Every structure is written in C-alpha cells, then in structure tokens.
C-alpha cells in the first residue's frame, strides 16, 4: 500500500478494531526510518478514523538516542535478532505473511518471498 508520497508500507495488518503498520529495515534504524513509519501511521489514521493504528519498526537495533523519538512518536521497535522469530515468510509481491513451509502465497499465489 502506498501513501502516495513516500513509498509503500512493508506490512499492514488489519484486525477488528486495530490496524498495525510494520516497516522492516535490514540495517540499524536511523531517524529517517522513524519519520517514514510515523508518516505511514498518520496516513492510515486519516484513512481509517476511529481505528487504533499502531506502528512497529523492525530492524537490527535502535540507538539509545533514537528511543526518545520513538516514544514521542508512539511507535514500537522490535529487533529481529532478539524479538522476532524468523520462522515466517513475507510475500515479496503483496507483503502478506504466510507459513514457513508454504511455497506459494495464499493471497496472490506468488512464489517470491522477501529474503531474511
């Protein structure tokens, strides 16, 4: 999903009363990444008023000086070294999560998955 200005959301998860926006970075998180996710969350809040919208940033690590900005923006950080089990696959085409043993995406039938 593109917000029309800065690119595509990596993963968006719709629950009954909540929407979770997830941005995945291969490297350490930098300030630009926080701003990017904050913009995505803001856009989704405007599109879905009344829904709770959370933003989760996944990367190698978050520098201590950026934790303050993360908290002020109301975002969450998860390290894929410590917090995220890597027993999942994310479709490269539609960015939806599928089971680790699946060869095709349930949603779009693609055989291409993001490399982790």
N, C-alpha and C. Protein backbone atom coordinates (compact mmCIF):
# COMPACT_ATOMS: atom_id res chain seq x y z
N UNK A 1 0.85 -1.18 0.00
CA UNK A 1 0.00 0.00 0.00
C UNK A 1 0.89 1.23 0.00
N UNK A 2 0.64 2.13 -0.91
CA UNK A 2 1.40 3.37 -0.98
C UNK A 2 0.60 4.50 -0.37
N UNK A 3 1.30 5.39 0.32
CA UNK A 3 0.60 6.55 0.86
C UNK A 3 0.60 7.69 -0.13
N UNK A 4 1.19 7.48 -1.30
CA UNK A 4 1.16 8.47 -2.35
C UNK A 4 2.31 9.45 -2.34
N UNK A 5 3.08 9.50 -1.24
CA UNK A 5 4.16 10.49 -1.19
C UNK A 5 5.53 9.88 -0.94
N UNK A 6 5.63 8.91 -0.04
CA UNK A 6 6.96 8.42 0.30
C UNK A 6 7.16 6.93 0.08
N UNK A 7 6.25 6.26 -0.54
CA UNK A 7 6.51 4.87 -0.86
C UNK A 7 5.45 3.91 -0.36
N UNK A 8 5.88 2.66 -0.17
CA UNK A 8 4.97 1.58 0.16
C UNK A 8 5.19 1.10 1.59
N UNK A 9 4.09 0.78 2.25
CA UNK A 9 4.13 0.18 3.57
C UNK A 9 4.58 -1.27 3.39
N UNK A 10 5.53 -1.71 4.21
CA UNK A 10 6.02 -3.09 4.08
C UNK A 10 4.92 -4.09 4.41
N UNK A 11 4.32 -3.96 5.59
CA UNK A 11 3.26 -4.87 6.01
C UNK A 11 2.19 -4.05 6.71
N UNK A 12 0.94 -4.34 6.37
CA UNK A 12 -0.17 -3.73 7.08
C UNK A 12 -1.12 -4.86 7.48
N UNK A 13 -1.46 -4.88 8.77
CA UNK A 13 -2.26 -5.97 9.32
C UNK A 13 -3.56 -5.39 9.87
N UNK A 14 -4.68 -5.81 9.30
CA UNK A 14 -5.99 -5.32 9.72
C UNK A 14 -6.60 -6.30 10.72
N UNK A 15 -6.84 -5.81 11.94
CA UNK A 15 -7.55 -6.57 12.94
C UNK A 15 -8.93 -5.92 13.08
N UNK A 16 -9.79 -6.49 13.91
CA UNK A 16 -11.16 -5.98 14.01
C UNK A 16 -11.22 -4.50 14.39
N UNK A 17 -10.50 -4.11 15.44
CA UNK A 17 -10.55 -2.72 15.91
C UNK A 17 -9.20 -2.03 15.85
N UNK A 18 -8.25 -2.62 15.16
CA UNK A 18 -6.89 -2.09 15.17
C UNK A 18 -6.22 -2.37 13.82
N UNK A 19 -5.34 -1.47 13.45
CA UNK A 19 -4.52 -1.66 12.25
C UNK A 19 -3.07 -1.54 12.69
N UNK A 20 -2.25 -2.49 12.28
CA UNK A 20 -0.83 -2.48 12.62
C UNK A 20 -0.03 -2.25 11.34
N UNK A 21 0.79 -1.21 11.36
CA UNK A 21 1.64 -0.86 10.23
C UNK A 21 3.07 -1.25 10.61
N UNK A 22 3.71 -2.07 9.78
CA UNK A 22 5.04 -2.57 10.09
C UNK A 22 6.01 -2.16 8.99
N UNK A 23 7.12 -1.59 9.41
CA UNK A 23 8.20 -1.21 8.49
C UNK A 23 9.42 -2.05 8.87
N UNK A 24 10.01 -2.72 7.89
CA UNK A 24 11.14 -3.60 8.12
C UNK A 24 12.39 -3.01 7.47
N UNK A 25 13.46 -2.94 8.24
CA UNK A 25 14.75 -2.44 7.74
C UNK A 25 15.80 -3.53 7.95
N UNK A 26 16.68 -3.67 6.99
CA UNK A 26 17.74 -4.69 7.09
C UNK A 26 18.86 -4.26 8.04
N UNK A 27 19.06 -2.97 8.16
CA UNK A 27 20.18 -2.44 8.94
C UNK A 27 19.69 -1.85 10.25
N UNK A 28 20.57 -1.15 10.93
CA UNK A 28 20.20 -0.41 12.13
C UNK A 28 19.22 0.69 11.78
N UNK A 29 18.35 1.01 12.70
CA UNK A 29 17.33 2.04 12.48
C UNK A 29 17.97 3.42 12.56
N UNK A 30 17.59 4.29 11.62
CA UNK A 30 18.05 5.68 11.64
C UNK A 30 16.82 6.59 11.77
N UNK A 31 17.06 7.85 12.05
CA UNK A 31 15.97 8.79 12.30
C UNK A 31 14.99 8.86 11.13
N UNK A 32 15.48 8.78 9.91
CA UNK A 32 14.63 8.81 8.72
C UNK A 32 13.61 7.66 8.74
N UNK A 33 14.01 6.51 9.27
CA UNK A 33 13.10 5.37 9.34
C UNK A 33 11.94 5.64 10.29
N UNK A 34 12.24 6.32 11.40
CA UNK A 34 11.18 6.69 12.35
C UNK A 34 10.18 7.63 11.68
N UNK A 35 10.70 8.61 10.96
CA UNK A 35 9.83 9.57 10.27
C UNK A 35 8.98 8.88 9.21
N UNK A 36 9.58 7.94 8.50
CA UNK A 36 8.85 7.21 7.46
C UNK A 36 7.67 6.45 8.06
N UNK A 37 7.92 5.69 9.12
CA UNK A 37 6.85 4.92 9.75
C UNK A 37 5.79 5.85 10.35
N UNK A 38 6.22 6.94 10.95
CA UNK A 38 5.29 7.90 11.53
C UNK A 38 4.36 8.46 10.45
N UNK A 39 4.90 8.75 9.28
CA UNK A 39 4.09 9.24 8.16
C UNK A 39 3.08 8.19 7.72
N UNK A 40 3.51 6.94 7.62
CA UNK A 40 2.59 5.86 7.25
C UNK A 40 1.45 5.76 8.25
N UNK A 41 1.77 5.77 9.54
CA UNK A 41 0.75 5.66 10.59
C UNK A 41 -0.23 6.83 10.48
N UNK A 42 0.30 8.03 10.28
CA UNK A 42 -0.55 9.22 10.15
C UNK A 42 -1.52 9.07 8.97
N UNK A 43 -1.03 8.60 7.84
CA UNK A 43 -1.87 8.43 6.65
C UNK A 43 -2.96 7.39 6.89
N UNK A 44 -2.63 6.30 7.54
CA UNK A 44 -3.61 5.24 7.81
C UNK A 44 -4.66 5.74 8.80
N UNK A 45 -4.25 6.53 9.79
CA UNK A 45 -5.22 7.10 10.73
C UNK A 45 -6.22 7.99 10.01
N UNK A 46 -5.76 8.74 9.02
CA UNK A 46 -6.67 9.60 8.25
C UNK A 46 -7.63 8.77 7.39
N UNK A 47 -7.14 7.65 6.85
CA UNK A 47 -7.97 6.79 6.01
C UNK A 47 -9.00 5.98 6.82
N UNK A 48 -8.64 5.66 8.07
CA UNK A 48 -9.49 4.82 8.91
C UNK A 48 -9.75 5.49 10.25
N UNK A 49 -10.49 6.60 10.26
CA UNK A 49 -10.77 7.27 11.53
C UNK A 49 -11.57 6.34 12.46
N UNK A 50 -11.26 6.42 13.72
CA UNK A 50 -11.94 5.57 14.69
C UNK A 50 -11.22 4.26 14.97
N UNK A 51 -10.26 3.91 14.13
CA UNK A 51 -9.47 2.69 14.36
C UNK A 51 -8.22 3.04 15.14
N UNK A 52 -7.78 2.14 15.96
CA UNK A 52 -6.48 2.27 16.62
C UNK A 52 -5.43 1.87 15.60
N UNK A 53 -4.42 2.70 15.42
CA UNK A 53 -3.35 2.41 14.45
C UNK A 53 -2.03 2.39 15.21
N UNK A 54 -1.31 1.26 15.13
CA UNK A 54 -0.01 1.13 15.77
C UNK A 54 1.06 1.00 14.70
N UNK A 55 2.25 1.51 15.01
CA UNK A 55 3.38 1.38 14.11
C UNK A 55 4.50 0.60 14.77
N UNK A 56 5.00 -0.40 14.05
CA UNK A 56 6.11 -1.22 14.56
C UNK A 56 7.25 -1.15 13.55
N UNK A 57 8.43 -0.82 14.07
CA UNK A 57 9.64 -0.74 13.26
C UNK A 57 10.51 -1.94 13.61
N UNK A 58 10.89 -2.71 12.60
CA UNK A 58 11.72 -3.90 12.81
C UNK A 58 13.06 -3.68 12.13
N UNK A 59 14.14 -3.92 12.86
CA UNK A 59 15.48 -3.77 12.31
C UNK A 59 16.50 -4.43 13.19
N UNK A 60 17.78 -4.23 12.88
CA UNK A 60 18.84 -4.85 13.67
C UNK A 60 18.87 -4.31 15.08
N UNK A 61 18.97 -2.99 15.22
CA UNK A 61 18.96 -2.39 16.55
C UNK A 61 18.57 -0.92 16.45
N UNK A 62 18.22 -0.36 17.59
CA UNK A 62 17.83 1.04 17.68
C UNK A 62 18.78 1.73 18.65
N UNK A 63 19.47 2.74 18.18
CA UNK A 63 20.39 3.51 19.01
C UNK A 63 19.64 4.16 20.17
N UNK A 64 20.29 4.25 21.33
CA UNK A 64 19.64 4.80 22.52
C UNK A 64 19.09 6.20 22.31
N UNK A 65 19.80 7.05 21.56
CA UNK A 65 19.32 8.42 21.37
C UNK A 65 18.06 8.48 20.51
N UNK A 66 17.76 7.43 19.74
CA UNK A 66 16.54 7.41 18.94
C UNK A 66 15.33 6.88 19.71
N UNK A 67 15.59 6.22 20.85
CA UNK A 67 14.47 5.68 21.64
C UNK A 67 13.55 6.79 22.12
N UNK A 68 14.11 7.96 22.41
CA UNK A 68 13.29 9.10 22.85
C UNK A 68 12.32 9.50 21.74
N UNK A 69 12.83 9.61 20.50
CA UNK A 69 11.97 9.96 19.37
C UNK A 69 10.91 8.88 19.13
N UNK A 70 11.30 7.63 19.25
CA UNK A 70 10.38 6.52 19.07
C UNK A 70 9.21 6.64 20.05
N UNK A 71 9.53 6.90 21.32
CA UNK A 71 8.49 7.05 22.34
C UNK A 71 7.60 8.25 22.07
N UNK A 72 8.19 9.37 21.68
CA UNK A 72 7.41 10.58 21.39
C UNK A 72 6.45 10.37 20.22
N UNK A 73 6.86 9.55 19.25
CA UNK A 73 6.02 9.28 18.09
C UNK A 73 5.00 8.18 18.36
N UNK A 74 5.10 7.53 19.50
CA UNK A 74 4.17 6.45 19.84
C UNK A 74 4.38 5.19 19.03
N UNK A 75 5.62 4.96 18.60
CA UNK A 75 5.95 3.78 17.80
C UNK A 75 6.62 2.72 18.66
N UNK A 76 6.69 1.51 18.12
CA UNK A 76 7.33 0.39 18.81
C UNK A 76 8.49 -0.12 17.97
N UNK A 77 9.57 -0.54 18.62
CA UNK A 77 10.70 -1.14 17.92
C UNK A 77 10.84 -2.60 18.32
N UNK A 78 11.13 -3.44 17.35
CA UNK A 78 11.45 -4.85 17.59
C UNK A 78 12.72 -5.19 16.83
N UNK A 79 13.64 -5.85 17.51
CA UNK A 79 14.87 -6.30 16.88
C UNK A 79 14.65 -7.70 16.31
N UNK A 80 15.00 -7.90 15.05
CA UNK A 80 14.83 -9.24 14.53
C UNK A 80 15.91 -10.19 15.03
N UNK A 81 16.90 -9.66 15.75
CA UNK A 81 17.88 -10.54 16.40
C UNK A 81 17.32 -11.13 17.69
N UNK A 82 16.45 -10.37 18.38
CA UNK A 82 16.01 -10.78 19.72
C UNK A 82 14.51 -10.98 19.85
N UNK A 83 13.71 -10.20 19.15
CA UNK A 83 12.27 -10.17 19.39
C UNK A 83 11.43 -10.92 18.38
N UNK A 84 11.94 -11.11 17.18
CA UNK A 84 11.12 -11.65 16.09
C UNK A 84 11.62 -13.04 15.70
N UNK A 85 10.77 -14.05 15.84
CA UNK A 85 11.18 -15.37 15.35
C UNK A 85 11.18 -15.35 13.83
N UNK A 86 12.24 -15.81 13.23
CA UNK A 86 12.36 -15.77 11.78
C UNK A 86 11.79 -17.02 11.11
N UNK A 87 10.76 -17.55 11.69
CA UNK A 87 10.12 -18.71 11.12
C UNK A 87 8.84 -18.31 10.38
N UNK A 88 8.96 -17.30 9.57
CA UNK A 88 7.84 -16.85 8.76
C UNK A 88 8.36 -16.40 7.41
N UNK A 89 7.45 -16.30 6.48
CA UNK A 89 7.79 -15.80 5.15
C UNK A 89 6.89 -14.61 4.86
N UNK A 90 7.44 -13.62 4.17
CA UNK A 90 6.66 -12.46 3.75
C UNK A 90 6.70 -12.40 2.23
N UNK A 91 5.54 -12.38 1.64
CA UNK A 91 5.43 -12.35 0.18
C UNK A 91 6.04 -11.06 -0.36
N UNK A 92 6.87 -11.18 -1.37
CA UNK A 92 7.52 -10.01 -1.97
C UNK A 92 6.54 -9.19 -2.80
N UNK A 93 5.48 -9.81 -3.27
CA UNK A 93 4.52 -9.10 -4.12
C UNK A 93 3.46 -8.37 -3.30
N UNK A 94 2.77 -9.06 -2.40
CA UNK A 94 1.67 -8.44 -1.66
C UNK A 94 2.03 -8.11 -0.21
N UNK A 95 3.21 -8.53 0.25
CA UNK A 95 3.74 -8.24 1.59
C UNK A 95 2.92 -8.84 2.72
N UNK A 96 2.22 -9.93 2.45
CA UNK A 96 1.46 -10.61 3.50
C UNK A 96 2.27 -11.79 4.01
N UNK A 97 2.02 -12.15 5.27
CA UNK A 97 2.75 -13.23 5.92
C UNK A 97 2.11 -14.56 5.60
N UNK A 98 2.96 -15.55 5.32
CA UNK A 98 2.50 -16.92 5.09
C UNK A 98 3.33 -17.86 5.94
N UNK A 99 2.90 -19.10 6.04
CA UNK A 99 3.61 -20.10 6.82
C UNK A 99 4.98 -20.42 6.25
N UNK A 100 5.88 -20.79 7.11
CA UNK A 100 7.27 -21.04 6.73
C UNK A 100 7.40 -22.17 5.71
N UNK A 101 6.49 -23.13 5.72
CA UNK A 101 6.59 -24.28 4.83
C UNK A 101 5.84 -24.10 3.52
N UNK A 102 5.21 -22.96 3.32
CA UNK A 102 4.46 -22.73 2.09
C UNK A 102 5.38 -22.30 0.96
N UNK A 103 5.07 -22.77 -0.23
CA UNK A 103 5.85 -22.41 -1.42
C UNK A 103 5.20 -21.30 -2.23
N UNK A 104 3.89 -21.09 -2.01
CA UNK A 104 3.14 -20.03 -2.70
C UNK A 104 2.40 -19.20 -1.67
N UNK A 105 2.21 -17.93 -2.00
CA UNK A 105 1.44 -17.03 -1.14
C UNK A 105 -0.04 -17.39 -1.23
N UNK A 106 -0.70 -17.46 -0.08
CA UNK A 106 -2.15 -17.74 -0.04
C UNK A 106 -2.96 -16.64 -0.71
N UNK A 107 -2.45 -15.42 -0.70
CA UNK A 107 -3.21 -14.25 -1.12
C UNK A 107 -3.07 -13.96 -2.61
N UNK A 108 -1.84 -14.05 -3.13
CA UNK A 108 -1.64 -13.66 -4.54
C UNK A 108 -1.00 -14.76 -5.37
N UNK A 109 -0.70 -15.90 -4.74
CA UNK A 109 -0.13 -17.08 -5.40
C UNK A 109 1.31 -16.88 -5.89
N UNK A 110 1.96 -15.81 -5.45
CA UNK A 110 3.35 -15.57 -5.85
C UNK A 110 4.25 -16.61 -5.19
N UNK A 111 5.37 -16.90 -5.86
CA UNK A 111 6.38 -17.80 -5.30
C UNK A 111 7.60 -17.03 -4.80
N UNK A 112 7.53 -15.71 -4.80
CA UNK A 112 8.65 -14.87 -4.40
C UNK A 112 8.43 -14.32 -2.99
N UNK A 113 9.45 -14.49 -2.13
CA UNK A 113 9.37 -14.06 -0.74
C UNK A 113 10.55 -13.16 -0.41
N UNK A 114 10.35 -12.26 0.55
CA UNK A 114 11.44 -11.39 0.98
C UNK A 114 12.56 -12.20 1.59
N UNK A 115 13.80 -11.89 1.28
CA UNK A 115 14.92 -12.63 1.87
C UNK A 115 15.20 -12.13 3.29
N UNK A 116 15.39 -13.05 4.20
CA UNK A 116 15.79 -12.73 5.58
C UNK A 116 17.03 -13.49 5.93
